[in-house]
Amino acid sequence: MRSAAAEDGRQASVSVPRGVTLQEIQRPVRDKLDDVSSAMARIVASDMPLVGQVGAHLLAMRGKLFRPTLLLLSSQVEEREGSGKEGEAGRDKAVTLAAALELIHLATLVHDDAVDHSALRRGMPTVNALFSHQISVIMGDFLYSTALTHLVGLGDLEALQALTRASTEMTLGEMRQLAVTEPLRFTEREYYALIRSKTASLMRTACELGALAGARQYGAALGDFGENLGMAFQIADDLLDYREEKETTGKPSGLDLREHKVTLPLIHALREMSPSSRKEVERLFNSETVTDEDIASVVRIVAENGGFNYARERGDEYAEKAHDALANLPDTVARSSLTASISYVMERHS
């Protein structure tokens, strides 16, 4: 990527590595991520057997801990943890915040799966498929409430405000999506507002919480980084939904199309396609039963009308903004990993 600084004739202070793996990005905080997993298990522990069963299933499918990774790395951008009581308190605080953040993220996934009646998540049965729709809704509420209750114990009002604000934004984003009555009239501006609420808000909060735990003076820059990374992340994810198969994503290919959801590739393609192609798309969106052939046909139409290239370009623009947000941070290992996360987001295949 070429930074705005470079285009202005200034020396770019952050280089973006290519082909980086998530394991490499997580290496500076690997031990703390293990602590986050343990903290999550403690928070959701319950004497009620059913809650324990559902909680264990959710923790088994919790994913790659990408948001806690961003939080922990953000907390270390100054590399001044130290070995004293202050340094240890900062590390413990970052772990607690990361555990609460990931539980809230899990809650959103549980609720999304319930709303969408999804059967699979990351190749595993969803809570509503394995247990019931009612249990899925209630368990999502339980994850929210226990995560926030745990945060209250920290006595950090700023952190609590940040997470509750993100939770509200994500809820409003879900309502915004459910309010769409004519999917094929969904605009690009509405799409950006939606993904900013549903995805970017929590990534911004992850980085802001990290700043509160160890790099307070860089809170604004880290928040901007997280929001733009989140926008790029969701655009890349929406591209994956079109272009990757079940074995890679852990969910059926073309799931958004099957659920009659319009994302950026299709939004752009609709502006370019012929009337006959639009009728083909309308037929899919008007059908209650969508076949693999229907999906393949619309995917081809989107590709032929530049939808994939356009979405990739917009994703690259947000990735560039994320890159620029890190320019004035200290040259540390943590900043290098945050920079590498940009390429990971844009190049990932799952």
Protein backbone atom coordinates (compact mmCIF):
# COMPACT_ATOMS: atom_id res chain seq x y z
CA MET A 1 0.00 0.00 0.00
CA ARG A 2 1.08 3.59 -0.63
CA SER A 3 0.45 5.89 2.31
CA ALA A 4 -0.99 9.37 2.17
CA ALA A 5 2.23 10.59 3.75
CA ALA A 6 4.23 9.15 0.88
CA GLU A 7 1.91 10.80 -1.63
CA ASP A 8 2.52 14.13 0.12
CA GLY A 9 6.25 13.63 -0.41
CA ARG A 10 6.98 12.75 3.22
CA GLN A 11 8.78 9.66 4.42
CA ALA A 12 6.29 6.98 5.46
CA SER A 13 7.17 5.92 9.01
CA VAL A 14 5.33 2.61 8.98
CA SER A 15 5.91 -0.18 6.49
CA VAL A 16 3.29 -2.88 6.01
CA PRO A 17 4.62 -6.45 5.83
CA ARG A 18 3.00 -8.96 3.49
CA GLY A 19 2.04 -12.57 4.02
CA VAL A 20 2.02 -12.28 7.80
CA THR A 21 0.18 -14.89 9.85
CA LEU A 22 -2.02 -14.25 12.86
CA GLN A 23 0.33 -16.37 14.96
CA GLU A 24 3.16 -13.96 14.14
CA ILE A 25 1.02 -10.95 15.00
CA GLN A 26 0.04 -12.53 18.33
CA ARG A 27 3.57 -13.57 19.33
CA PRO A 28 4.27 -10.51 21.54
CA VAL A 29 1.09 -11.16 23.57
CA ARG A 30 0.79 -14.94 23.30
CA ASP A 31 1.04 -15.59 27.02
CA LYS A 32 -1.51 -12.90 27.78
CA LEU A 33 -3.95 -14.37 25.25
CA ASP A 34 -3.80 -17.62 27.22
CA ASP A 35 -4.65 -15.60 30.32
CA VAL A 36 -7.59 -14.05 28.43
CA SER A 37 -8.96 -17.50 27.60
CA SER A 38 -8.69 -18.53 31.25
CA ALA A 39 -10.39 -15.32 32.38
CA MET A 40 -13.25 -15.88 29.95
CA ALA A 41 -13.80 -19.37 31.34
CA ARG A 42 -13.88 -18.01 34.89
CA ILE A 43 -16.33 -15.24 34.00
CA VAL A 44 -18.88 -17.55 32.36
CA ALA A 45 -18.54 -20.31 34.97
CA SER A 46 -21.90 -21.16 36.52
CA ASP A 47 -23.39 -23.68 38.91
CA MET A 48 -26.27 -24.15 36.47
CA PRO A 49 -25.42 -27.19 34.29
CA LEU A 50 -27.11 -25.86 31.16
CA VAL A 51 -25.23 -22.55 31.32
CA GLY A 52 -22.02 -24.51 31.80
CA GLN A 53 -22.72 -26.69 28.76
CA VAL A 54 -23.56 -23.77 26.49
CA GLY A 55 -20.63 -21.75 27.81
CA ALA A 56 -18.20 -24.60 27.17
CA HIS A 57 -19.50 -24.93 23.60
CA LEU A 58 -19.09 -21.21 22.98
CA LEU A 59 -15.57 -21.12 24.37
CA ALA A 60 -14.66 -24.03 22.10
CA MET A 61 -15.79 -22.02 19.06
CA ARG A 62 -14.57 -18.62 20.22
CA GLY A 63 -12.31 -18.11 17.21
CA LYS A 64 -8.88 -16.55 16.91
CA LEU A 65 -9.11 -13.88 19.63
CA PHE A 66 -8.34 -11.16 17.11
CA ARG A 67 -10.01 -8.34 19.06
CA PRO A 68 -8.27 -9.24 22.35
CA THR A 69 -5.04 -9.32 20.34
CA LEU A 70 -5.64 -5.74 19.19
CA LEU A 71 -6.42 -4.68 22.76
CA LEU A 72 -3.31 -6.28 24.25
CA LEU A 73 -1.03 -4.94 21.52
CA SER A 74 -2.51 -1.46 21.91
CA SER A 75 -1.78 -1.58 25.63
CA GLN A 76 1.89 -2.25 24.86
CA VAL A 77 2.66 0.32 22.17
CA GLU A 78 4.88 2.24 24.60
CA GLU A 79 6.67 -0.89 25.89
CA ARG A 80 6.81 0.39 29.45
CA GLU A 81 5.05 -2.39 31.35
CA GLY A 82 7.86 -2.78 33.87
CA SER A 83 8.12 -5.35 36.62
CA GLY A 84 6.67 -3.33 39.48
CA LYS A 85 3.17 -3.17 40.87
CA GLU A 86 2.07 -0.54 38.32
CA GLY A 87 3.23 -2.64 35.39
CA GLU A 88 1.60 -5.77 36.74
CA ALA A 89 -1.66 -3.92 37.38
CA GLY A 90 -1.67 -2.68 33.80
CA ARG A 91 -1.14 -6.19 32.44
CA ASP A 92 -3.90 -7.62 34.64
CA LYS A 93 -6.26 -4.83 33.63
CA ALA A 94 -5.59 -5.43 29.94
CA VAL A 95 -6.35 -9.14 30.34
CA THR A 96 -9.62 -8.45 32.16
CA LEU A 97 -10.69 -5.90 29.56
CA ALA A 98 -9.79 -8.27 26.74
CA ALA A 99 -11.83 -11.10 28.28
CA ALA A 100 -14.89 -8.87 28.72
CA LEU A 101 -14.52 -7.52 25.19
CA GLU A 102 -14.36 -10.99 23.64
CA LEU A 103 -17.37 -12.18 25.64
CA ILE A 104 -19.37 -9.26 24.30
CA HIS A 105 -18.18 -10.14 20.81
CA LEU A 106 -19.31 -13.73 21.39
CA ALA A 107 -22.68 -12.43 22.57
CA THR A 108 -23.16 -10.55 19.31
CA LEU A 109 -22.37 -13.70 17.32
CA VAL A 110 -24.83 -15.74 19.37
CA HIS A 111 -27.54 -13.14 18.80
CA ASP A 112 -26.70 -12.84 15.09
CA ASP A 113 -26.97 -16.60 14.66
CA ALA A 114 -30.31 -16.58 16.47
CA VAL A 115 -31.68 -13.76 14.32
CA ASP A 116 -30.42 -15.39 11.10
CA HIS A 117 -31.30 -18.95 12.20
CA SER A 118 -27.77 -19.97 11.22
CA ALA A 119 -26.83 -23.61 11.70
CA LEU A 120 -23.04 -23.27 11.48
CA ARG A 121 -20.43 -20.90 12.85
CA ARG A 122 -16.74 -21.57 12.11
CA GLY A 123 -17.62 -25.09 11.06
CA MET A 124 -19.35 -25.90 14.36
CA PRO A 125 -23.06 -26.02 15.25
CA THR A 126 -24.42 -22.72 16.52
CA VAL A 127 -26.06 -22.49 19.95
CA ASN A 128 -29.51 -22.26 18.41
CA ALA A 129 -28.83 -25.33 16.25
CA LEU A 130 -27.30 -27.42 19.06
CA PHE A 131 -29.64 -26.31 21.86
CA SER A 132 -32.56 -24.05 20.94
CA HIS A 133 -33.40 -20.61 19.64
CA GLN A 134 -34.61 -19.53 23.10
CA ILE A 135 -31.41 -20.68 24.79
CA SER A 136 -29.37 -18.84 22.17
CA VAL A 137 -31.08 -15.53 22.89
CA ILE A 138 -30.87 -15.93 26.67
CA MET A 139 -27.22 -17.06 26.55
CA GLY A 140 -26.30 -14.01 24.52
CA ASP A 141 -27.91 -11.84 27.20
CA PHE A 142 -26.02 -13.76 29.88
CA LEU A 143 -22.68 -13.13 28.14
CA TYR A 144 -23.41 -9.40 27.90
CA SER A 145 -24.47 -9.04 31.52
CA THR A 146 -21.66 -11.11 33.04
CA ALA A 147 -19.01 -9.32 30.96
CA LEU A 148 -20.27 -5.91 32.04
CA THR A 149 -20.66 -7.03 35.66
CA HIS A 150 -17.04 -8.15 35.63
CA LEU A 151 -16.00 -4.75 34.30
CA VAL A 152 -17.83 -3.00 37.12
CA GLY A 153 -15.49 -4.86 39.45
CA LEU A 154 -12.54 -3.01 37.91
CA GLY A 155 -14.02 0.31 38.94
CA ASP A 156 -12.96 1.84 35.60
CA LEU A 157 -15.81 4.06 34.43
CA GLU A 158 -14.07 4.99 31.16
CA ALA A 159 -13.68 1.35 30.15
CA LEU A 160 -17.27 0.58 31.10
CA GLN A 161 -18.52 3.55 29.10
CA ALA A 162 -16.50 2.51 26.06
CA LEU A 163 -17.84 -1.05 26.04
CA THR A 164 -21.45 -0.09 26.73
CA ARG A 165 -21.24 2.51 23.94
CA ALA A 166 -19.95 -0.14 21.53
CA SER A 167 -22.67 -2.57 22.64
CA THR A 168 -25.32 0.07 21.96
CA GLU A 169 -23.84 0.83 18.53
CA MET A 170 -23.79 -2.86 17.60
CA THR A 171 -27.40 -3.30 18.72
CA LEU A 172 -28.49 -0.30 16.67
CA GLY A 173 -26.56 -1.71 13.73
CA GLU A 174 -28.48 -4.96 13.99
CA MET A 175 -31.75 -3.04 14.12
CA ARG A 176 -30.64 -1.01 11.11
CA GLN A 177 -30.05 -4.23 9.18
CA LEU A 178 -33.40 -5.71 10.19
CA ALA A 179 -35.13 -2.49 9.13
CA VAL A 180 -34.05 -2.97 5.50
CA THR A 181 -37.27 -3.86 3.66
CA GLU A 182 -35.97 -3.51 0.09
CA PRO A 183 -32.47 -5.02 0.04
CA LEU A 184 -31.72 -4.13 -3.57
CA ARG A 185 -32.24 -0.44 -2.74
CA PHE A 186 -29.64 -0.60 0.06
CA THR A 187 -27.13 2.17 -0.65
CA GLU A 188 -23.37 2.31 -0.28
CA ARG A 189 -23.69 5.00 2.39
CA GLU A 190 -26.11 2.84 4.37
CA TYR A 191 -23.73 -0.10 4.02
CA TYR A 192 -20.83 1.88 5.54
CA ALA A 193 -23.04 3.06 8.41
CA LEU A 194 -24.07 -0.54 9.05
CA ILE A 195 -20.58 -2.05 9.15
CA ARG A 196 -19.28 0.87 11.21
CA SER A 197 -21.90 0.00 13.84
CA LYS A 198 -21.77 -3.79 13.65
CA THR A 199 -18.03 -4.39 13.21
CA ALA A 200 -15.83 -1.31 13.34
CA SER A 201 -17.26 0.00 16.62
CA LEU A 202 -16.00 -2.99 18.60
CA MET A 203 -12.55 -2.96 16.97
CA ARG A 204 -12.26 0.73 17.76
CA THR A 205 -13.23 -0.02 21.34
CA ALA A 206 -10.67 -2.83 21.56
CA CYS A 207 -7.87 -0.42 20.71
CA GLU A 208 -9.26 2.34 22.96
CA LEU A 209 -9.43 -0.08 25.89
CA GLY A 210 -5.85 -1.09 25.22
CA ALA A 211 -4.85 2.56 25.40
CA LEU A 212 -6.66 2.93 28.74
CA ALA A 213 -4.70 -0.04 30.08
CA GLY A 214 -1.24 1.11 29.05
CA ALA A 215 -0.96 3.81 26.39
CA ARG A 216 -3.44 6.49 27.33
CA GLN A 217 -1.85 9.32 25.35
CA TYR A 218 -2.33 7.36 22.11
CA GLY A 219 -6.01 6.61 22.67
CA ALA A 220 -7.29 8.77 19.80
CA ALA A 221 -4.81 7.40 17.26
CA LEU A 222 -5.42 3.81 18.34
CA GLY A 223 -9.18 4.34 18.20
CA ASP A 224 -8.91 5.66 14.63
CA PHE A 225 -6.72 2.71 13.72
CA GLY A 226 -9.21 0.24 15.15
CA GLU A 227 -12.22 1.78 13.42
CA ASN A 228 -10.61 1.87 9.99
CA LEU A 229 -9.21 -1.63 10.45
CA GLY A 230 -12.72 -2.78 11.36
CA MET A 231 -14.17 -1.24 8.20
CA ALA A 232 -11.50 -2.94 6.09
CA PHE A 233 -12.08 -6.19 7.98
CA GLN A 234 -15.81 -6.27 7.23
CA ILE A 235 -15.38 -5.39 3.56
CA ALA A 236 -12.82 -8.19 3.25
CA ASP A 237 -15.20 -10.52 5.07
CA ASP A 238 -18.02 -9.65 2.70
CA LEU A 239 -15.72 -10.42 -0.23
CA LEU A 240 -14.86 -13.77 1.34
CA ASP A 241 -18.54 -14.62 1.52
CA TYR A 242 -18.68 -14.41 -2.27
CA ARG A 243 -15.35 -15.95 -3.12
CA GLU A 244 -14.54 -18.66 -0.59
CA GLU A 245 -16.00 -22.11 -0.20
CA LYS A 246 -17.39 -23.84 2.86
CA GLU A 247 -14.17 -25.72 3.69
CA THR A 248 -12.33 -22.43 4.11
CA THR A 249 -14.86 -20.20 5.81
CA GLY A 250 -16.60 -22.78 7.97
CA LYS A 251 -19.97 -21.63 6.62
CA PRO A 252 -21.90 -22.13 3.39
CA SER A 253 -20.54 -20.19 0.42
CA GLY A 254 -22.67 -17.19 -0.49
CA LEU A 255 -24.41 -17.10 2.88
CA ASP A 256 -25.25 -13.40 2.60
CA LEU A 257 -26.96 -13.99 -0.74
CA ARG A 258 -28.85 -16.96 0.66
CA GLU A 259 -30.11 -14.71 3.46
CA HIS A 260 -30.95 -11.92 0.99
CA LYS A 261 -28.34 -9.55 2.42
CA VAL A 262 -26.76 -6.96 0.17
CA THR A 263 -23.10 -6.06 0.72
CA LEU A 264 -20.65 -3.82 -1.09
CA PRO A 265 -19.76 -6.08 -4.06
CA LEU A 266 -23.40 -6.37 -5.06
CA ILE A 267 -24.18 -2.71 -4.27
CA HIS A 268 -21.61 -1.64 -6.84
CA ALA A 269 -22.51 -4.32 -9.39
CA LEU A 270 -26.18 -3.27 -9.31
CA ARG A 271 -25.13 0.14 -10.62
CA GLU A 272 -23.35 -1.40 -13.59
CA MET A 273 -25.29 -4.50 -14.62
CA SER A 274 -27.67 -4.93 -17.54
CA PRO A 275 -31.46 -5.13 -17.06
CA SER A 276 -31.37 -8.87 -17.74
CA SER A 277 -28.71 -9.41 -15.09
CA ARG A 278 -30.68 -7.34 -12.61
CA LYS A 279 -33.71 -9.52 -13.25
CA GLU A 280 -31.56 -12.55 -12.43
CA VAL A 281 -30.54 -10.95 -9.15
CA GLU A 282 -34.12 -9.95 -8.36
CA ARG A 283 -35.24 -13.52 -8.98
CA LEU A 284 -32.82 -14.77 -6.33
CA PHE A 285 -33.94 -12.14 -3.82
CA ASN A 286 -37.60 -12.93 -4.45
CA SER A 287 -37.10 -16.66 -4.00
CA GLU A 288 -37.56 -18.40 -0.66
CA THR A 289 -35.48 -21.37 -1.84
CA VAL A 290 -32.05 -20.46 -3.19
CA THR A 291 -30.01 -23.12 -4.97
CA ASP A 292 -26.25 -23.37 -5.42
CA GLU A 293 -26.81 -22.60 -9.09
CA ASP A 294 -28.65 -19.39 -8.19
CA ILE A 295 -25.74 -18.34 -5.99
CA ALA A 296 -23.17 -19.16 -8.68
CA SER A 297 -25.11 -17.13 -11.25
CA VAL A 298 -25.28 -14.00 -9.08
CA VAL A 299 -21.64 -14.35 -8.03
CA ARG A 300 -20.69 -14.43 -11.72
CA ILE A 301 -22.80 -11.33 -12.41
CA VAL A 302 -21.19 -9.45 -9.52
CA ALA A 303 -17.70 -10.38 -10.73
CA GLU A 304 -18.42 -9.39 -14.33
CA ASN A 305 -19.70 -6.00 -13.24
CA GLY A 306 -16.67 -5.09 -11.16
CA GLY A 307 -18.14 -5.71 -7.73
CA PHE A 308 -15.13 -7.58 -6.38
CA ASN A 309 -12.57 -5.06 -7.63
CA TYR A 310 -14.58 -2.12 -6.34
CA ALA A 311 -15.01 -3.62 -2.87
CA ARG A 312 -11.32 -4.46 -2.71
CA GLU A 313 -10.41 -0.87 -3.60
CA ARG A 314 -12.66 0.54 -0.89
CA GLY A 315 -11.22 -1.94 1.60
CA ASP A 316 -7.71 -0.85 0.64
CA GLU A 317 -8.67 2.78 1.32
CA TYR A 318 -9.76 1.96 4.86
CA ALA A 319 -6.64 -0.16 5.35
CA GLU A 320 -4.54 2.82 4.28
CA LYS A 321 -6.30 5.03 6.84
CA ALA A 322 -5.56 2.42 9.52
CA HIS A 323 -1.92 2.40 8.40
CA ASP A 324 -1.68 6.20 8.63
CA ALA A 325 -3.21 6.26 12.13
CA LEU A 326 -0.17 4.38 13.45
CA ALA A 327 2.41 6.72 11.94
CA ASN A 328 3.13 8.77 15.08
CA LEU A 329 3.16 5.89 17.55
CA PRO A 330 6.49 4.77 19.10
CA ASP A 331 8.54 2.35 17.01
CA THR A 332 7.87 -0.71 19.14
CA VAL A 333 7.23 -4.41 18.66
CA ALA A 334 3.57 -3.90 19.49
CA ARG A 335 3.17 -1.21 16.82
CA SER A 336 4.84 -3.51 14.29
CA SER A 337 2.30 -6.22 15.08
CA LEU A 338 -0.58 -3.76 14.79
CA THR A 339 0.78 -2.72 11.40
CA ALA A 340 1.06 -6.35 10.32
CA SER A 341 -2.57 -6.90 11.31
CA ILE A 342 -3.60 -4.63 8.42
CA SER A 343 -2.13 -7.03 5.86
CA TYR A 344 -3.56 -9.99 7.74
CA VAL A 345 -7.04 -8.49 7.49
CA MET A 346 -6.75 -7.76 3.79
CA GLU A 347 -5.04 -11.00 2.78
CA ARG A 348 -6.80 -13.54 4.99
CA HIS A 349 -8.76 -16.42 3.51
CA SER A 350 -10.84 -17.41 6.53
